[in-house]
Amino acid sequence: MDHDACGTGFVARIDGERSHRIVQLAVQAVVNLTHR
């Protein structure tokens, strides 16, 4: 039986301000996990 490593994460500004940069960072994080 194979076991996969899994988890959760998030990218956010501590002040709660909305930013397109946050979206870019989150997308890049998912792209970096394509090997999973």
PDB file of N, CA and C in Angstrom:
ATOM      1  N   MET A   1       0.845  -1.178   0.000  1.00  0.00           N
ATOM      2  CA  MET A   1       0.000   0.000   0.000  1.00  0.00           C
ATOM      3  C   MET A   1       0.891   1.243   0.000  1.00  0.00           C
ATOM      4  N   ASP A   2       0.676   2.116  -0.961  1.00  0.00           N
ATOM      5  CA  ASP A   2       1.432   3.364  -1.030  1.00  0.00           C
ATOM      6  C   ASP A   2       0.761   4.433  -0.180  1.00  0.00           C
ATOM      7  N   HIS A   3       1.582   5.242   0.418  1.00  0.00           N
ATOM      8  CA  HIS A   3       1.074   6.372   1.195  1.00  0.00           C
ATOM      9  C   HIS A   3       1.618   7.651   0.581  1.00  0.00           C
ATOM     10  N   ASP A   4       0.749   8.587   0.348  1.00  0.00           N
ATOM     11  CA  ASP A   4       1.154   9.882  -0.192  1.00  0.00           C
ATOM     12  C   ASP A   4       1.296  10.885   0.938  1.00  0.00           C
ATOM     13  N   ALA A   5       2.252  11.763   0.778  1.00  0.00           N
ATOM     14  CA  ALA A   5       2.377  12.875   1.704  1.00  0.00           C
ATOM     15  C   ALA A   5       1.370  13.942   1.277  1.00  0.00           C
ATOM     16  N   CYS A   6       0.636  14.444   2.206  1.00  0.00           N
ATOM     17  CA  CYS A   6      -0.322  15.493   1.867  1.00  0.00           C
ATOM     18  C   CYS A   6      -0.320  16.535   2.975  1.00  0.00           C
ATOM     19  N   GLY A   7      -0.876  17.661   2.671  1.00  0.00           N
ATOM     20  CA  GLY A   7      -0.943  18.733   3.640  1.00  0.00           C
ATOM     21  C   GLY A   7      -1.689  19.911   3.059  1.00  0.00           C
ATOM     22  N   THR A   8      -1.693  20.965   3.799  1.00  0.00           N
ATOM     23  CA  THR A   8      -2.358  22.179   3.340  1.00  0.00           C
ATOM     24  C   THR A   8      -1.425  23.354   3.535  1.00  0.00           C
ATOM     25  N   GLY A   9      -1.731  24.404   2.863  1.00  0.00           N
ATOM     26  CA  GLY A   9      -0.954  25.622   3.013  1.00  0.00           C
ATOM     27  C   GLY A   9      -1.755  26.795   2.504  1.00  0.00           C
ATOM     28  N   PHE A  10      -1.291  27.969   2.808  1.00  0.00           N
ATOM     29  CA  PHE A  10      -1.965  29.153   2.306  1.00  0.00           C
ATOM     30  C   PHE A  10      -0.971  30.289   2.176  1.00  0.00           C
ATOM     31  N   VAL A  11      -1.324  31.228   1.333  1.00  0.00           N
ATOM     32  CA  VAL A  11      -0.529  32.437   1.143  1.00  0.00           C
ATOM     33  C   VAL A  11      -1.463  33.603   1.417  1.00  0.00           C
ATOM     34  N   ALA A  12      -1.091  34.477   2.322  1.00  0.00           N
ATOM     35  CA  ALA A  12      -1.952  35.607   2.671  1.00  0.00           C
ATOM     36  C   ALA A  12      -1.107  36.765   3.180  1.00  0.00           C
ATOM     37  N   ARG A  13      -1.669  37.932   3.053  1.00  0.00           N
ATOM     38  CA  ARG A  13      -1.039  39.108   3.660  1.00  0.00           C
ATOM     39  C   ARG A  13      -1.532  39.204   5.093  1.00  0.00           C
ATOM     40  N   ILE A  14      -0.642  39.482   6.005  1.00  0.00           N
ATOM     41  CA  ILE A  14      -1.024  39.528   7.413  1.00  0.00           C
ATOM     42  C   ILE A  14      -1.983  40.679   7.706  1.00  0.00           C
ATOM     43  N   ASP A  15      -1.921  41.733   6.872  1.00  0.00           N
ATOM     44  CA  ASP A  15      -2.829  42.864   7.081  1.00  0.00           C
ATOM     45  C   ASP A  15      -4.180  42.659   6.398  1.00  0.00           C
ATOM     46  N   GLY A  16      -4.334  41.540   5.665  1.00  0.00           N
ATOM     47  CA  GLY A  16      -5.607  41.216   5.035  1.00  0.00           C
ATOM     48  C   GLY A  16      -5.888  41.936   3.737  1.00  0.00           C
ATOM     49  N   GLU A  17      -4.966  42.768   3.293  1.00  0.00           N
ATOM     50  CA  GLU A  17      -5.183  43.511   2.049  1.00  0.00           C
ATOM     51  C   GLU A  17      -5.158  42.559   0.857  1.00  0.00           C
ATOM     52  N   ARG A  18      -6.088  42.776  -0.071  1.00  0.00           N
ATOM     53  CA  ARG A  18      -6.143  41.955  -1.279  1.00  0.00           C
ATOM     54  C   ARG A  18      -5.050  42.385  -2.239  1.00  0.00           C
ATOM     55  N   SER A  19      -4.468  41.406  -2.923  1.00  0.00           N
ATOM     56  CA  SER A  19      -3.370  41.706  -3.826  1.00  0.00           C
ATOM     57  C   SER A  19      -3.275  40.629  -4.906  1.00  0.00           C
ATOM     58  N   HIS A  20      -3.064  41.054  -6.140  1.00  0.00           N
ATOM     59  CA  HIS A  20      -2.864  40.089  -7.222  1.00  0.00           C
ATOM     60  C   HIS A  20      -1.574  39.306  -6.992  1.00  0.00           C
ATOM     61  N   ARG A  21      -0.622  39.888  -6.327  1.00  0.00           N
ATOM     62  CA  ARG A  21       0.642  39.202  -6.021  1.00  0.00           C
ATOM     63  C   ARG A  21       0.386  37.950  -5.186  1.00  0.00           C
ATOM     64  N   ILE A  22      -0.567  38.016  -4.282  1.00  0.00           N
ATOM     65  CA  ILE A  22      -0.910  36.851  -3.464  1.00  0.00           C
ATOM     66  C   ILE A  22      -1.419  35.722  -4.352  1.00  0.00           C
ATOM     67  N   VAL A  23      -2.257  36.072  -5.335  1.00  0.00           N
ATOM     68  CA  VAL A  23      -2.761  35.065  -6.273  1.00  0.00           C
ATOM     69  C   VAL A  23      -1.604  34.461  -7.057  1.00  0.00           C
ATOM     70  N   GLN A  24      -0.681  35.297  -7.512  1.00  0.00           N
ATOM     71  CA  GLN A  24       0.477  34.805  -8.262  1.00  0.00           C
ATOM     72  C   GLN A  24       1.305  33.838  -7.413  1.00  0.00           C
ATOM     73  N   LEU A  25       1.530  34.170  -6.167  1.00  0.00           N
ATOM     74  CA  LEU A  25       2.311  33.305  -5.281  1.00  0.00           C
ATOM     75  C   LEU A  25       1.604  31.974  -5.033  1.00  0.00           C
ATOM     76  N   ALA A  26       0.294  32.017  -4.858  1.00  0.00           N
ATOM     77  CA  ALA A  26      -0.465  30.786  -4.629  1.00  0.00           C
ATOM     78  C   ALA A  26      -0.427  29.882  -5.861  1.00  0.00           C
ATOM     79  N   VAL A  27      -0.590  30.467  -7.039  1.00  0.00           N
ATOM     80  CA  VAL A  27      -0.535  29.682  -8.275  1.00  0.00           C
ATOM     81  C   VAL A  27       0.852  29.075  -8.446  1.00  0.00           C
ATOM     82  N   GLN A  28       1.885  29.839  -8.173  1.00  0.00           N
ATOM     83  CA  GLN A  28       3.245  29.322  -8.302  1.00  0.00           C
ATOM     84  C   GLN A  28       3.489  28.177  -7.320  1.00  0.00           C
ATOM     85  N   ALA A  29       2.929  28.261  -6.133  1.00  0.00           N
ATOM     86  CA  ALA A  29       3.073  27.177  -5.158  1.00  0.00           C
ATOM     87  C   ALA A  29       2.462  25.884  -5.690  1.00  0.00           C
ATOM     88  N   VAL A  30       1.296  25.986  -6.322  1.00  0.00           N
ATOM     89  CA  VAL A  30       0.654  24.800  -6.901  1.00  0.00           C
ATOM     90  C   VAL A  30       1.474  24.260  -8.068  1.00  0.00           C
ATOM     91  N   VAL A  31       1.986  25.143  -8.905  1.00  0.00           N
ATOM     92  CA  VAL A  31       2.815  24.724 -10.040  1.00  0.00           C
ATOM     93  C   VAL A  31       4.051  23.981  -9.539  1.00  0.00           C
ATOM     94  N   ASN A  32       4.626  24.457  -8.458  1.00  0.00           N
ATOM     95  CA  ASN A  32       5.825  23.824  -7.908  1.00  0.00           C
ATOM     96  C   ASN A  32       5.549  22.434  -7.340  1.00  0.00           C
ATOM     97  N   LEU A  33       4.289  22.082  -7.151  1.00  0.00           N
ATOM     98  CA  LEU A  33       3.933  20.775  -6.597  1.00  0.00           C
ATOM     99  C   LEU A  33       3.455  19.794  -7.654  1.00  0.00           C
ATOM    100  N   THR A  34       3.652  20.094  -8.929  1.00  0.00           N
ATOM    101  CA  THR A  34       3.173  19.202  -9.980  1.00  0.00           C
ATOM    102  C   THR A  34       3.834  17.828  -9.920  1.00  0.00           C
ATOM    103  N   HIS A  35       4.979  17.704  -9.287  1.00  0.00           N
ATOM    104  CA  HIS A  35       5.656  16.414  -9.161  1.00  0.00           C
ATOM    105  C   HIS A  35       4.962  15.502  -8.159  1.00  0.00           C
ATOM    106  N   ARG A  36       4.029  16.002  -7.410  1.00  0.00           N
ATOM    107  CA  ARG A  36       3.357  15.215  -6.366  1.00  0.00           C
ATOM    108  C   ARG A  36       2.279  14.360  -6.930  1.00  0.00           C
TER     109      ARG A  36
END
